[in-house]
Amino acid sequence: MYPIISEGYPFISISALLALVLWLCDAHYAAMPFIVLTLYFTYFFRNPRRSIARDETAILSPADGTVQEVVPLEGDEFVEGPCNKVVIFMSVFNVHVNRSPIDGEIKLQKYYCGRFRPAYKDEVGFENEHHLIGLENDKVRITVKQIAGILARRIVSWVTLDDKLRQGELYGMIRFGSCLEVVMPQSVDVLVKKGDKVTGGKTIIGRITDK
């Protein structure tokens, strides 16, 4: 596993090249913003090594960030019956790679090219650019939606329909600030609340029960 996601190489390379050229031309002050950008891009596209403690009854957080809300829903296009939605907001300083919350097969995949409103607005899940996958295994069905924000201008996905994902496996990212929504059936006990900090592939946001 590489410490920097390949999506970041063009950003890092271009800003570093511009910084070097300006520095060699003795335009040191002009080079400084590009040096800062190079450092930030290296930081933003980081992919820290994580040991995933796989647990078939656990729903892991798909992202680093802060729980923005937990709301009940009457239904979902993939999750049958009453369910709960957990919204995770990622700031520009969070790790932005996204991980599969469960072992499962992608049975639904949708991409919507929408607007770019701030990721903390209630309506962004419907209006903004987003990418949704429905994951299923023999215990549970869930959906995970990547939602672009005012700064996030591209959702990156490395998976497609019928792909099988392992719990904690990387499947995509969103560039420069965004949020994710996880929808789980009510048979899953939600273990997080608004304001909680979560870590992708580590924090258990839900636990599958027999109810």
Protein backbone atom coordinates (compact mmCIF):
# COMPACT_ATOMS: atom_id res chain seq x y z
CA MET A 1 0.00 0.00 0.00
CA TYR A 2 1.43 3.35 -1.06
CA PRO A 3 1.50 6.27 1.43
CA ILE A 4 0.19 8.65 -1.28
CA ILE A 5 -2.83 7.92 -3.47
CA SER A 6 -1.96 7.99 -7.18
CA GLU A 7 -4.70 10.59 -7.74
CA GLY A 8 -2.45 13.06 -5.95
CA TYR A 9 0.64 12.66 -8.12
CA PRO A 10 -0.36 15.23 -10.80
CA PHE A 11 -1.21 17.87 -8.15
CA ILE A 12 2.01 17.28 -6.22
CA SER A 13 4.21 17.13 -9.33
CA ILE A 14 2.87 20.29 -11.00
CA SER A 15 3.02 22.43 -7.85
CA ALA A 16 6.51 21.11 -7.00
CA LEU A 17 7.75 21.79 -10.55
CA LEU A 18 6.43 25.35 -10.51
CA ALA A 19 8.01 25.92 -7.09
CA LEU A 20 11.37 24.62 -8.34
CA VAL A 21 11.34 26.71 -11.52
CA LEU A 22 10.48 29.91 -9.64
CA TRP A 23 13.06 29.18 -6.96
CA LEU A 24 15.81 28.60 -9.54
CA CYS A 25 14.82 31.89 -11.19
CA ASP A 26 15.41 33.60 -7.81
CA ALA A 27 11.68 34.36 -7.50
CA HIS A 28 11.68 32.99 -3.97
CA TYR A 29 8.60 34.82 -2.76
CA ALA A 30 6.60 33.73 -5.80
CA ALA A 31 7.73 30.13 -5.22
CA MET A 32 6.48 30.01 -1.63
CA PRO A 33 2.74 29.50 -2.39
CA PHE A 34 3.62 26.55 -4.64
CA ILE A 35 5.85 25.07 -1.94
CA VAL A 36 2.93 25.32 0.49
CA LEU A 37 0.60 23.76 -2.09
CA THR A 38 3.04 20.89 -2.65
CA LEU A 39 3.13 20.18 1.06
CA TYR A 40 -0.66 20.40 1.35
CA PHE A 41 -1.30 18.10 -1.62
CA THR A 42 1.14 15.57 -0.17
CA TYR A 43 -0.76 15.78 3.12
CA PHE A 44 -4.23 15.68 1.55
CA PHE A 45 -3.61 12.64 -0.66
CA ARG A 46 -2.05 10.63 2.15
CA ASN A 47 -3.08 7.02 2.57
CA PRO A 48 -2.04 5.94 6.07
CA ARG A 49 -1.46 2.25 6.64
CA ARG A 50 -4.26 0.81 8.79
CA SER A 51 -4.73 -2.62 10.27
CA ILE A 52 -8.39 -3.57 9.75
CA ALA A 53 -9.88 -5.77 12.48
CA ARG A 54 -12.51 -7.47 10.34
CA ASP A 55 -15.79 -8.25 12.12
CA GLU A 56 -18.81 -9.65 10.26
CA THR A 57 -21.25 -8.08 12.72
CA ALA A 58 -19.69 -4.61 12.54
CA ILE A 59 -20.40 -1.74 10.17
CA LEU A 60 -17.16 0.25 9.94
CA SER A 61 -16.93 3.94 9.16
CA PRO A 62 -16.16 4.44 5.45
CA ALA A 63 -14.30 7.69 6.12
CA ASP A 64 -12.42 9.86 8.57
CA GLY A 65 -14.44 12.81 9.82
CA THR A 66 -17.20 13.99 12.12
CA VAL A 67 -20.70 12.57 12.40
CA GLN A 68 -22.94 15.37 11.20
CA GLU A 69 -26.26 13.69 11.90
CA VAL A 70 -28.02 10.39 12.51
CA VAL A 71 -31.57 10.31 11.15
CA PRO A 72 -34.25 7.62 10.76
CA LEU A 73 -35.67 6.95 7.30
CA GLU A 74 -38.86 5.21 6.23
CA GLY A 75 -37.01 3.48 3.43
CA ASP A 76 -34.15 3.51 0.96
CA GLU A 77 -33.90 2.50 -2.70
CA PHE A 78 -31.67 -0.45 -1.78
CA VAL A 79 -32.10 -1.03 1.97
CA GLU A 80 -35.55 -2.49 2.53
CA GLY A 81 -37.84 -1.22 5.29
CA PRO A 82 -37.16 1.32 8.05
CA CYS A 83 -33.51 2.32 8.30
CA ASN A 84 -31.08 4.87 9.73
CA LYS A 85 -28.77 7.25 7.91
CA VAL A 86 -25.40 8.30 9.33
CA VAL A 87 -23.85 11.39 7.71
CA ILE A 88 -20.07 11.86 8.05
CA PHE A 89 -18.51 15.22 7.17
CA MET A 90 -14.89 15.28 5.99
CA SER A 91 -12.97 18.54 6.28
CA VAL A 92 -10.10 19.38 3.93
CA PHE A 93 -7.73 18.17 6.66
CA ASN A 94 -9.17 14.66 7.02
CA VAL A 95 -7.86 11.58 5.23
CA HIS A 96 -10.06 11.40 2.12
CA VAL A 97 -9.76 7.80 0.94
CA ASN A 98 -12.98 5.85 1.47
CA ARG A 99 -13.26 2.25 2.70
CA SER A 100 -15.93 -0.43 2.47
CA PRO A 101 -17.88 -0.70 5.76
CA ILE A 102 -18.54 -4.45 5.28
CA ASP A 103 -17.60 -7.52 3.28
CA GLY A 104 -20.04 -7.43 0.42
CA GLU A 105 -20.86 -7.38 -3.27
CA ILE A 106 -21.85 -4.21 -5.10
CA LYS A 107 -25.44 -4.83 -6.21
CA LEU A 108 -26.33 -1.22 -6.98
CA GLN A 109 -24.21 1.62 -8.35
CA LYS A 110 -25.40 5.09 -9.35
CA TYR A 111 -23.64 8.32 -10.25
CA TYR A 112 -25.41 11.70 -10.33
CA CYS A 113 -23.72 14.74 -11.86
CA GLY A 114 -25.23 17.56 -9.83
CA ARG A 115 -24.38 20.84 -8.16
CA PHE A 116 -21.56 21.77 -5.76
CA ARG A 117 -23.21 23.17 -2.65
CA PRO A 118 -21.52 23.18 0.78
CA ALA A 119 -21.33 19.62 2.12
CA TYR A 120 -22.96 20.57 5.45
CA LYS A 121 -26.27 21.59 3.82
CA ASP A 122 -29.16 19.18 4.41
CA GLU A 123 -30.12 18.86 0.75
CA VAL A 124 -26.70 18.06 -0.71
CA GLY A 125 -27.34 14.31 -0.77
CA PHE A 126 -29.99 14.95 -3.44
CA GLU A 127 -28.67 18.03 -5.26
CA ASN A 128 -24.89 17.65 -5.33
CA GLU A 129 -22.74 15.38 -7.44
CA HIS A 130 -22.79 12.00 -5.73
CA HIS A 131 -21.86 8.35 -6.21
CA LEU A 132 -23.86 5.62 -4.48
CA ILE A 133 -23.10 1.93 -4.04
CA GLY A 134 -25.36 -0.72 -2.53
CA LEU A 135 -23.44 -3.46 -0.70
CA GLU A 136 -24.94 -6.81 0.21
CA ASN A 137 -23.82 -9.93 2.06
CA ASP A 138 -25.66 -12.78 3.76
CA LYS A 139 -26.31 -10.66 6.86
CA VAL A 140 -27.12 -7.12 5.75
CA ARG A 141 -27.72 -4.61 2.97
CA ILE A 142 -26.33 -1.06 3.20
CA THR A 143 -25.79 1.91 0.93
CA VAL A 144 -22.81 4.25 0.97
CA LYS A 145 -23.05 7.58 -0.81
CA GLN A 146 -20.07 9.82 -1.60
CA ILE A 147 -21.21 13.44 -1.91
CA ALA A 148 -19.19 16.28 -3.40
CA GLY A 149 -19.09 19.66 -1.66
CA ILE A 150 -18.36 23.26 -2.59
CA LEU A 151 -14.62 22.51 -2.90
CA ALA A 152 -14.92 18.85 -3.90
CA ARG A 153 -15.09 18.80 -7.67
CA ARG A 154 -14.52 15.16 -8.40
CA ILE A 155 -15.66 11.89 -6.90
CA VAL A 156 -13.19 9.11 -7.61
CA SER A 157 -14.36 5.49 -7.73
CA TRP A 158 -12.19 2.41 -8.24
CA VAL A 159 -15.05 -0.09 -8.26
CA THR A 160 -17.92 -1.16 -10.47
CA LEU A 161 -21.13 -3.19 -10.31
CA ASP A 162 -20.72 -6.80 -9.07
CA ASP A 163 -17.29 -6.13 -7.55
CA LYS A 164 -16.71 -7.85 -4.23
CA LEU A 165 -15.21 -5.69 -1.47
CA ARG A 166 -13.53 -6.74 1.73
CA GLN A 167 -14.31 -4.86 4.91
CA GLY A 168 -11.96 -1.87 5.14
CA GLU A 169 -10.88 -2.12 1.49
CA LEU A 170 -10.31 1.16 -0.35
CA TYR A 171 -12.90 1.85 -3.02
CA GLY A 172 -12.67 5.57 -3.79
CA MET A 173 -12.13 9.13 -2.57
CA ILE A 174 -13.52 12.65 -2.92
CA ARG A 175 -11.21 15.54 -3.68
CA PHE A 176 -11.04 18.49 -1.30
CA GLY A 177 -13.81 18.38 1.30
CA SER A 178 -17.05 16.45 1.21
CA CYS A 179 -19.30 14.03 3.09
CA LEU A 180 -20.52 10.44 3.07
CA GLU A 181 -23.88 8.94 3.96
CA VAL A 182 -24.28 5.38 5.22
CA VAL A 183 -27.80 3.91 5.28
CA MET A 184 -28.33 0.82 7.45
CA PRO A 185 -31.48 -1.16 8.31
CA GLN A 186 -32.95 -0.87 11.79
CA SER A 187 -31.60 -4.35 12.53
CA VAL A 188 -28.27 -2.56 12.89
CA ASP A 189 -27.69 -0.77 16.20
CA VAL A 190 -26.23 2.68 15.51
CA LEU A 191 -23.22 3.22 17.80
CA VAL A 192 -22.37 6.84 16.96
CA LYS A 193 -24.06 10.17 17.50
CA LYS A 194 -23.82 13.71 16.17
CA GLY A 195 -20.43 15.25 16.89
CA ASP A 196 -18.51 11.96 17.22
CA LYS A 197 -15.13 11.73 15.48
CA VAL A 198 -14.75 8.61 13.34
CA THR A 199 -11.84 6.91 11.58
CA GLY A 200 -12.27 5.09 8.29
CA GLY A 201 -11.88 1.33 8.58
CA LYS A 202 -11.49 1.55 12.37
CA THR A 203 -14.53 3.09 14.07
CA ILE A 204 -17.57 0.82 14.38
CA ILE A 205 -20.60 2.96 13.51
CA GLY A 206 -23.13 0.11 13.68
CA ARG A 207 -23.54 -3.42 14.99
CA ILE A 208 -25.72 -6.06 13.29
CA THR A 209 -28.21 -7.65 15.70
CA ASP A 210 -30.83 -10.38 15.40
CA LYS A 211 -33.79 -8.09 16.06
